[in-house]
Amino acid sequence: MPTLSIFYGIEIRMYWKDHPPPHFHVFYAGHLAVVDIRRVEIVEGILPRGAWSLVLLWTQEHQQELLEAFELCQKLIPPSKITPLP
């Protein structure tokens, strides 16, 4: 499972050949969540409010890169890392 970015203790990952719709997995302090890339919303799990605010901002800034990474993972091609929040 490629790790796309890590910032403020938040890890963003994708699974190889994962099911649609395009999404990514967030791991933070024992919390797990799945975020729909197009709708930019949590579709499974839960995150603390502060962590979700950071993930939301980061997702909006990198939405196209995330969609491209999802497509690459579908083809078993390693995606590039995505710039973390400063």
C-alpha atoms as a PDB file:
ATOM      1  CA  MET A   1       0.000   0.000   0.000  1.00  0.00           C
ATOM      2  CA  PRO A   2       1.774   3.161  -1.173  1.00  0.00           C
ATOM      3  CA  THR A   3       2.063   6.027   1.287  1.00  0.00           C
ATOM      4  CA  LEU A   4       1.398   9.217  -0.660  1.00  0.00           C
ATOM      5  CA  SER A   5       2.046  11.808   2.017  1.00  0.00           C
ATOM      6  CA  ILE A   6       2.663  12.273   5.738  1.00  0.00           C
ATOM      7  CA  PHE A   7       2.018  15.526   7.594  1.00  0.00           C
ATOM      8  CA  TYR A   8       1.346  16.345  11.249  1.00  0.00           C
ATOM      9  CA  GLY A   9       1.216  12.642  12.091  1.00  0.00           C
ATOM     10  CA  ILE A  10      -1.405  12.002   9.390  1.00  0.00           C
ATOM     11  CA  GLU A  11      -0.589   9.272   6.858  1.00  0.00           C
ATOM     12  CA  ILE A  12      -2.307   9.198   3.470  1.00  0.00           C
ATOM     13  CA  ARG A  13      -2.243   5.819   1.691  1.00  0.00           C
ATOM     14  CA  MET A  14      -3.851   3.968  -1.211  1.00  0.00           C
ATOM     15  CA  TYR A  15      -4.274   0.259  -1.813  1.00  0.00           C
ATOM     16  CA  TRP A  16      -3.279  -1.430  -5.051  1.00  0.00           C
ATOM     17  CA  LYS A  17      -6.277  -2.190  -7.309  1.00  0.00           C
ATOM     18  CA  ASP A  18      -8.739  -0.818  -4.752  1.00  0.00           C
ATOM     19  CA  HIS A  19     -12.449  -0.539  -5.518  1.00  0.00           C
ATOM     20  CA  PRO A  20     -14.089   2.579  -6.958  1.00  0.00           C
ATOM     21  CA  PRO A  21     -14.971   5.353  -6.358  1.00  0.00           C
ATOM     22  CA  PRO A  22     -11.512   6.930  -6.184  1.00  0.00           C
ATOM     23  CA  HIS A  23     -10.527   7.280  -2.548  1.00  0.00           C
ATOM     24  CA  PHE A  24      -7.633   7.168  -0.119  1.00  0.00           C
ATOM     25  CA  HIS A  25      -7.083   5.901   3.416  1.00  0.00           C
ATOM     26  CA  VAL A  26      -6.133   8.162   6.314  1.00  0.00           C
ATOM     27  CA  PHE A  27      -4.328   6.874   9.406  1.00  0.00           C
ATOM     28  CA  TYR A  28      -3.998   9.200  12.395  1.00  0.00           C
ATOM     29  CA  ALA A  29      -3.428   8.447  16.093  1.00  0.00           C
ATOM     30  CA  GLY A  30      -5.333   5.153  16.025  1.00  0.00           C
ATOM     31  CA  HIS A  31      -8.115   6.548  13.826  1.00  0.00           C
ATOM     32  CA  LEU A  32      -8.832   5.258  10.331  1.00  0.00           C
ATOM     33  CA  ALA A  33     -10.919   6.916   7.643  1.00  0.00           C
ATOM     34  CA  VAL A  34     -11.616   6.532   3.946  1.00  0.00           C
ATOM     35  CA  VAL A  35     -11.981   9.755   1.954  1.00  0.00           C
ATOM     36  CA  ASP A  36     -13.766   9.999  -1.397  1.00  0.00           C
ATOM     37  CA  ILE A  37     -11.486  12.097  -3.612  1.00  0.00           C
ATOM     38  CA  ARG A  38     -14.170  13.578  -5.875  1.00  0.00           C
ATOM     39  CA  ARG A  39     -16.680  14.419  -3.132  1.00  0.00           C
ATOM     40  CA  VAL A  40     -13.936  15.307  -0.618  1.00  0.00           C
ATOM     41  CA  GLU A  41     -15.752  13.662   2.265  1.00  0.00           C
ATOM     42  CA  ILE A  42     -15.231  10.832   4.714  1.00  0.00           C
ATOM     43  CA  VAL A  43     -17.157   7.788   3.509  1.00  0.00           C
ATOM     44  CA  GLU A  44     -15.962   5.379   6.190  1.00  0.00           C
ATOM     45  CA  GLY A  45     -14.446   5.772   9.645  1.00  0.00           C
ATOM     46  CA  ILE A  46     -13.852   8.929  11.633  1.00  0.00           C
ATOM     47  CA  LEU A  47     -11.114  11.466  12.308  1.00  0.00           C
ATOM     48  CA  PRO A  48     -10.773  14.064  15.044  1.00  0.00           C
ATOM     49  CA  ARG A  49     -12.014  17.474  13.877  1.00  0.00           C
ATOM     50  CA  GLY A  50      -8.539  19.049  13.702  1.00  0.00           C
ATOM     51  CA  ALA A  51      -7.069  16.185  11.689  1.00  0.00           C
ATOM     52  CA  TRP A  52     -10.062  16.206   9.329  1.00  0.00           C
ATOM     53  CA  SER A  53      -9.628  19.965   8.762  1.00  0.00           C
ATOM     54  CA  LEU A  54      -6.019  19.386   7.692  1.00  0.00           C
ATOM     55  CA  VAL A  55      -6.935  16.429   5.458  1.00  0.00           C
ATOM     56  CA  LEU A  56      -9.759  18.453   3.890  1.00  0.00           C
ATOM     57  CA  LEU A  57      -7.450  21.357   3.063  1.00  0.00           C
ATOM     58  CA  TRP A  58      -4.744  19.040   1.714  1.00  0.00           C
ATOM     59  CA  THR A  59      -7.255  17.074  -0.413  1.00  0.00           C
ATOM     60  CA  GLN A  60      -8.651  20.230  -1.977  1.00  0.00           C
ATOM     61  CA  GLU A  61      -5.118  21.369  -2.861  1.00  0.00           C
ATOM     62  CA  HIS A  62      -4.125  18.011  -4.387  1.00  0.00           C
ATOM     63  CA  GLN A  63      -7.366  16.587  -5.777  1.00  0.00           C
ATOM     64  CA  GLN A  64      -6.071  16.084  -9.344  1.00  0.00           C
ATOM     65  CA  GLU A  65      -2.853  14.461  -8.120  1.00  0.00           C
ATOM     66  CA  LEU A  66      -4.902  12.120  -5.924  1.00  0.00           C
ATOM     67  CA  LEU A  67      -7.115  11.084  -8.847  1.00  0.00           C
ATOM     68  CA  GLU A  68      -4.011  10.381 -10.927  1.00  0.00           C
ATOM     69  CA  ALA A  69      -2.460   8.375  -8.069  1.00  0.00           C
ATOM     70  CA  PHE A  70      -5.647   6.294  -7.773  1.00  0.00           C
ATOM     71  CA  GLU A  71      -5.502   5.477 -11.497  1.00  0.00           C
ATOM     72  CA  LEU A  72      -1.834   4.489 -11.230  1.00  0.00           C
ATOM     73  CA  CYS A  73      -2.551   2.226  -8.249  1.00  0.00           C
ATOM     74  CA  GLN A  74      -5.289   0.537 -10.307  1.00  0.00           C
ATOM     75  CA  LYS A  75      -2.590  -0.339 -12.860  1.00  0.00           C
ATOM     76  CA  LEU A  76      -0.081  -1.401 -10.160  1.00  0.00           C
ATOM     77  CA  ILE A  77       2.169   1.542 -11.072  1.00  0.00           C
ATOM     78  CA  PRO A  78       3.738   3.258  -8.059  1.00  0.00           C
ATOM     79  CA  PRO A  79       2.391   6.810  -7.709  1.00  0.00           C
ATOM     80  CA  SER A  80       4.570   9.784  -6.894  1.00  0.00           C
ATOM     81  CA  LYS A  81       4.645  11.241  -3.412  1.00  0.00           C
ATOM     82  CA  ILE A  82       2.359  14.239  -2.914  1.00  0.00           C
ATOM     83  CA  THR A  83       3.621  17.352  -1.147  1.00  0.00           C
ATOM     84  CA  PRO A  84       2.528  17.451   2.500  1.00  0.00           C
ATOM     85  CA  LEU A  85       1.067  20.482   4.222  1.00  0.00           C
ATOM     86  CA  PRO A  86       3.791  22.865   5.430  1.00  0.00           C
END
